[in-house]
Amino acid sequence: MTIHAEALLFDNDGTLVSSLASVTRCWTRWAREYGVTAEDFARVGLHGRPAAEIAADLLPAAEVAAAVARIEQLEVDDVPGGVELLPGTAELLAALPAERWAVVTSAGRRLADARLAEAGIRPKTLVTADDITRGKPDPEPYLLGAARLGVDPARCVVFEDAPAGLASARAAGMKTVALTTTHERAELLADLVVPDLSALSVQVTAGGVEIRAAR
């Protein structure tokens, strides 16, 4: 299968890098501090959503701002040694011109910058939770990514590991490639589903980028 695009938009955590162990450590500690139970977490969507929206679903409004600042600090402090490149990330990004791709993450700017720097990823274009008013699964994050690249959303391909992110991309009118790095294949609705970025090859053309499943 070959997918044609003018630009590629990548989620970060679970797509380009893995910080799952760090996320688990930090949110577990946060939950203990704020009296949030496993049952509380089970009733709200977590993966791929901004921390502010998760906290707002779990806590009284008056506590949300401090709670968001706390989880951000815990996660930033845990970045050293807590982030690793997923298979195929370095090779695929190295094959792309800087103006052809962006990272669109649900993390805030401070945490996103820290995780990307730890992994050695330096996107020219980055959209974070601090740039938007509605997080994934709303289309706003990916529409903003396309706008910053100056590309029609219909000519973008999104790479995601989370159902919320895939829903965001579909709502934005974009093609989707799902990675089974954090969710089962049956949970992921996408134009193409692969294990990780090592299963793909890209070729830059005069009109954009061609993405092919390598296996």
Protein backbone atom coordinates (compact mmCIF):
# COMPACT_ATOMS: atom_id res chain seq x y z
CA MET A 1 0.00 0.00 0.00
CA THR A 2 1.23 3.49 -0.89
CA ILE A 3 -0.09 6.69 0.66
CA HIS A 4 0.68 10.06 -0.94
CA ALA A 5 0.94 13.26 1.11
CA GLU A 6 2.36 16.75 1.09
CA ALA A 7 3.14 16.68 4.80
CA LEU A 8 3.39 14.22 7.69
CA LEU A 9 2.12 14.92 11.21
CA PHE A 10 3.41 12.78 14.07
CA ASP A 11 2.11 12.26 17.56
CA ASN A 12 5.07 11.96 19.94
CA ASP A 13 4.56 9.62 22.90
CA GLY A 14 3.85 6.11 21.65
CA THR A 15 4.58 7.09 18.05
CA LEU A 16 8.09 8.58 17.87
CA VAL A 17 9.22 7.77 21.41
CA SER A 18 8.21 5.58 24.31
CA SER A 19 7.79 7.19 27.70
CA LEU A 20 5.19 4.72 28.95
CA ALA A 21 7.12 3.64 32.03
CA SER A 22 7.72 7.28 32.97
CA VAL A 23 4.07 8.18 32.41
CA THR A 24 2.96 5.28 34.59
CA ARG A 25 5.33 6.24 37.40
CA CYS A 26 4.35 9.89 37.36
CA TRP A 27 0.61 9.50 37.05
CA THR A 28 0.59 6.81 39.75
CA ARG A 29 2.35 9.18 42.14
CA TRP A 30 0.04 12.03 41.12
CA ALA A 31 -3.02 9.89 41.71
CA ARG A 32 -1.86 9.01 45.21
CA GLU A 33 -1.27 12.67 46.02
CA TYR A 34 -4.72 13.72 44.79
CA GLY A 35 -6.70 10.73 46.04
CA VAL A 36 -7.55 9.50 42.55
CA THR A 37 -8.36 5.79 42.41
CA ALA A 38 -7.92 3.23 39.66
CA GLU A 39 -11.70 3.26 39.27
CA ASP A 40 -11.57 7.02 38.68
CA PHE A 41 -9.00 6.57 35.93
CA ALA A 42 -11.03 3.78 34.36
CA ARG A 43 -13.98 6.11 33.72
CA VAL A 44 -12.03 8.76 31.79
CA GLY A 45 -9.97 8.56 28.62
CA LEU A 46 -6.27 9.00 29.36
CA HIS A 47 -3.89 8.18 26.56
CA GLY A 48 -3.39 10.87 23.94
CA ARG A 49 -5.30 13.59 25.84
CA PRO A 50 -3.93 16.77 27.42
CA ALA A 51 -3.24 16.60 31.15
CA ALA A 52 -5.50 19.59 31.76
CA GLU A 53 -8.50 17.76 30.33
CA ILE A 54 -7.73 14.59 32.30
CA ALA A 55 -7.38 16.55 35.54
CA ALA A 56 -10.60 18.43 34.81
CA ASP A 57 -12.44 15.11 34.46
CA LEU A 58 -11.10 13.85 37.80
CA LEU A 59 -10.89 16.82 40.16
CA PRO A 60 -12.90 19.84 41.32
CA ALA A 61 -12.34 22.87 39.11
CA ALA A 62 -10.54 24.78 41.85
CA GLU A 63 -7.83 22.10 42.04
CA VAL A 64 -7.16 21.63 38.33
CA ALA A 65 -4.53 24.31 37.71
CA ALA A 66 -2.30 23.18 40.59
CA ALA A 67 -2.83 19.52 39.70
CA VAL A 68 -1.78 20.13 36.08
CA ALA A 69 1.33 21.98 37.22
CA ARG A 70 2.15 19.09 39.55
CA ILE A 71 1.90 16.34 36.93
CA GLU A 72 3.92 18.43 34.49
CA GLN A 73 6.69 18.86 37.06
CA LEU A 74 6.68 15.16 37.92
CA GLU A 75 6.94 14.21 34.23
CA VAL A 76 9.63 16.77 33.38
CA ASP A 77 11.71 15.62 36.36
CA ASP A 78 11.35 12.02 35.16
CA VAL A 79 12.48 12.69 31.57
CA PRO A 80 16.21 11.86 32.02
CA GLY A 81 16.45 8.16 31.23
CA GLY A 82 12.68 7.93 30.86
CA VAL A 83 12.40 8.40 27.09
CA GLU A 84 13.58 6.15 24.27
CA LEU A 85 13.22 6.25 20.51
CA LEU A 86 10.81 3.72 19.09
CA PRO A 87 11.99 1.51 16.20
CA GLY A 88 12.25 3.28 12.86
CA THR A 89 11.85 6.81 14.21
CA ALA A 90 15.37 8.08 13.59
CA GLU A 91 15.59 6.59 10.09
CA LEU A 92 12.21 7.85 8.94
CA LEU A 93 12.63 11.40 10.23
CA ALA A 94 16.13 11.61 8.75
CA ALA A 95 14.64 10.92 5.32
CA LEU A 96 12.23 13.88 5.52
CA PRO A 97 12.85 17.57 4.75
CA ALA A 98 12.22 19.66 7.87
CA GLU A 99 9.40 21.59 6.20
CA ARG A 100 7.50 18.40 5.36
CA TRP A 101 6.74 17.22 8.91
CA ALA A 102 5.60 18.35 12.33
CA VAL A 103 5.08 16.90 15.79
CA VAL A 104 1.58 17.33 17.25
CA THR A 105 1.50 16.24 20.88
CA SER A 106 -0.95 16.40 23.76
CA ALA A 107 1.91 17.25 26.13
CA GLY A 108 2.52 20.85 27.16
CA ARG A 109 5.40 22.78 25.59
CA ARG A 110 7.79 22.32 28.51
CA LEU A 111 7.31 18.55 28.70
CA ALA A 112 7.28 18.12 24.91
CA ASP A 113 10.54 20.04 24.53
CA ALA A 114 12.16 17.96 27.28
CA ARG A 115 11.09 14.61 25.85
CA LEU A 116 12.03 15.49 22.28
CA ALA A 117 15.43 16.80 23.37
CA GLU A 118 16.07 13.65 25.40
CA ALA A 119 15.34 11.57 22.27
CA GLY A 120 17.38 13.81 19.97
CA ILE A 121 14.37 14.88 17.89
CA ARG A 122 14.34 18.50 16.71
CA PRO A 123 11.18 19.32 14.76
CA LYS A 124 11.02 22.62 12.94
CA THR A 125 7.28 22.67 13.63
CA LEU A 126 5.78 21.63 16.97
CA VAL A 127 2.18 21.86 18.21
CA THR A 128 1.59 21.26 21.93
CA ALA A 129 -1.30 21.43 24.38
CA ASP A 130 -0.28 25.03 25.11
CA ASP A 131 -1.11 26.02 21.51
CA ILE A 132 -4.72 24.84 21.40
CA THR A 133 -8.03 25.25 23.23
CA ARG A 134 -9.44 21.76 22.53
CA GLY A 135 -7.28 18.65 22.65
CA LYS A 136 -7.51 15.34 20.83
CA PRO A 137 -9.97 13.84 19.84
CA ASP A 138 -11.00 17.32 18.66
CA PRO A 139 -9.47 18.10 15.22
CA GLU A 140 -7.95 21.41 16.37
CA PRO A 141 -4.40 20.11 17.11
CA TYR A 142 -3.93 18.50 13.70
CA LEU A 143 -5.62 21.35 11.84
CA LEU A 144 -3.17 23.73 13.50
CA GLY A 145 -0.26 21.49 12.51
CA ALA A 146 -1.37 21.54 8.88
CA ALA A 147 -1.84 25.32 8.99
CA ARG A 148 1.65 25.89 10.39
CA LEU A 149 3.09 23.78 7.59
CA GLY A 150 0.94 25.62 5.04
CA VAL A 151 -0.60 22.39 3.74
CA ASP A 152 -4.21 21.48 2.98
CA PRO A 153 -5.39 19.09 5.75
CA ALA A 154 -6.60 16.66 3.09
CA ARG A 155 -2.99 16.37 1.89
CA CYS A 156 -1.64 15.40 5.32
CA VAL A 157 -1.02 11.98 6.84
CA VAL A 158 -1.13 11.53 10.61
CA PHE A 159 0.87 8.90 12.52
CA GLU A 160 -0.74 7.94 15.83
CA ASP A 161 -0.85 5.19 18.44
CA ALA A 162 -3.99 6.30 20.32
CA PRO A 163 -7.68 6.14 19.40
CA ALA A 164 -8.17 9.76 20.54
CA GLY A 165 -5.43 10.96 18.20
CA LEU A 166 -6.74 8.94 15.29
CA ALA A 167 -10.21 10.39 15.87
CA SER A 168 -8.68 13.88 15.86
CA ALA A 169 -6.97 13.22 12.54
CA ARG A 170 -10.07 11.76 10.93
CA ALA A 171 -12.14 14.73 12.08
CA ALA A 172 -9.53 16.98 10.47
CA GLY A 173 -10.01 15.17 7.16
CA MET A 174 -6.56 13.58 7.14
CA LYS A 175 -5.31 10.12 6.21
CA THR A 176 -4.12 8.03 9.14
CA VAL A 177 -1.42 5.49 9.94
CA ALA A 178 -1.83 3.71 13.27
CA LEU A 179 0.98 2.08 15.27
CA THR A 180 0.24 -0.84 17.59
CA THR A 181 2.79 0.33 20.17
CA THR A 182 0.27 1.01 22.97
CA HIS A 183 -3.10 -0.34 21.79
CA GLU A 184 -4.40 -3.50 20.17
CA ARG A 185 -4.99 -3.47 16.43
CA ALA A 186 -8.74 -3.87 16.93
CA GLU A 187 -8.84 -0.55 18.84
CA LEU A 188 -7.23 1.43 16.02
CA LEU A 189 -9.31 2.74 13.12
CA ALA A 190 -6.91 3.94 10.42
CA ASP A 191 -6.12 3.77 6.71
CA LEU A 192 -3.04 1.69 7.52
CA VAL A 193 -2.04 -0.15 10.70
CA VAL A 194 1.58 -1.17 11.34
CA PRO A 195 3.63 -2.31 14.36
CA ASP A 196 5.85 0.80 14.42
CA LEU A 197 7.65 3.20 12.07
CA SER A 198 10.24 0.57 11.14
CA ALA A 199 7.47 -1.10 9.11
CA LEU A 200 7.33 1.92 6.79
CA SER A 201 9.50 3.49 4.12
CA VAL A 202 9.22 7.01 2.76
CA GLN A 203 10.28 8.57 -0.50
CA VAL A 204 10.36 12.33 -1.01
CA THR A 205 9.03 13.41 -4.40
CA ALA A 206 8.54 16.73 -6.15
CA GLY A 207 4.94 16.74 -4.99
CA GLY A 208 5.43 15.57 -1.42
CA VAL A 209 6.05 12.23 0.25
CA GLU A 210 5.14 8.65 -0.58
CA ILE A 211 4.67 6.29 2.38
CA ARG A 212 4.84 2.54 1.84
CA ALA A 213 4.42 -0.41 4.14
CA ALA A 214 7.77 -2.15 4.12
CA ARG A 215 6.42 -5.40 5.51
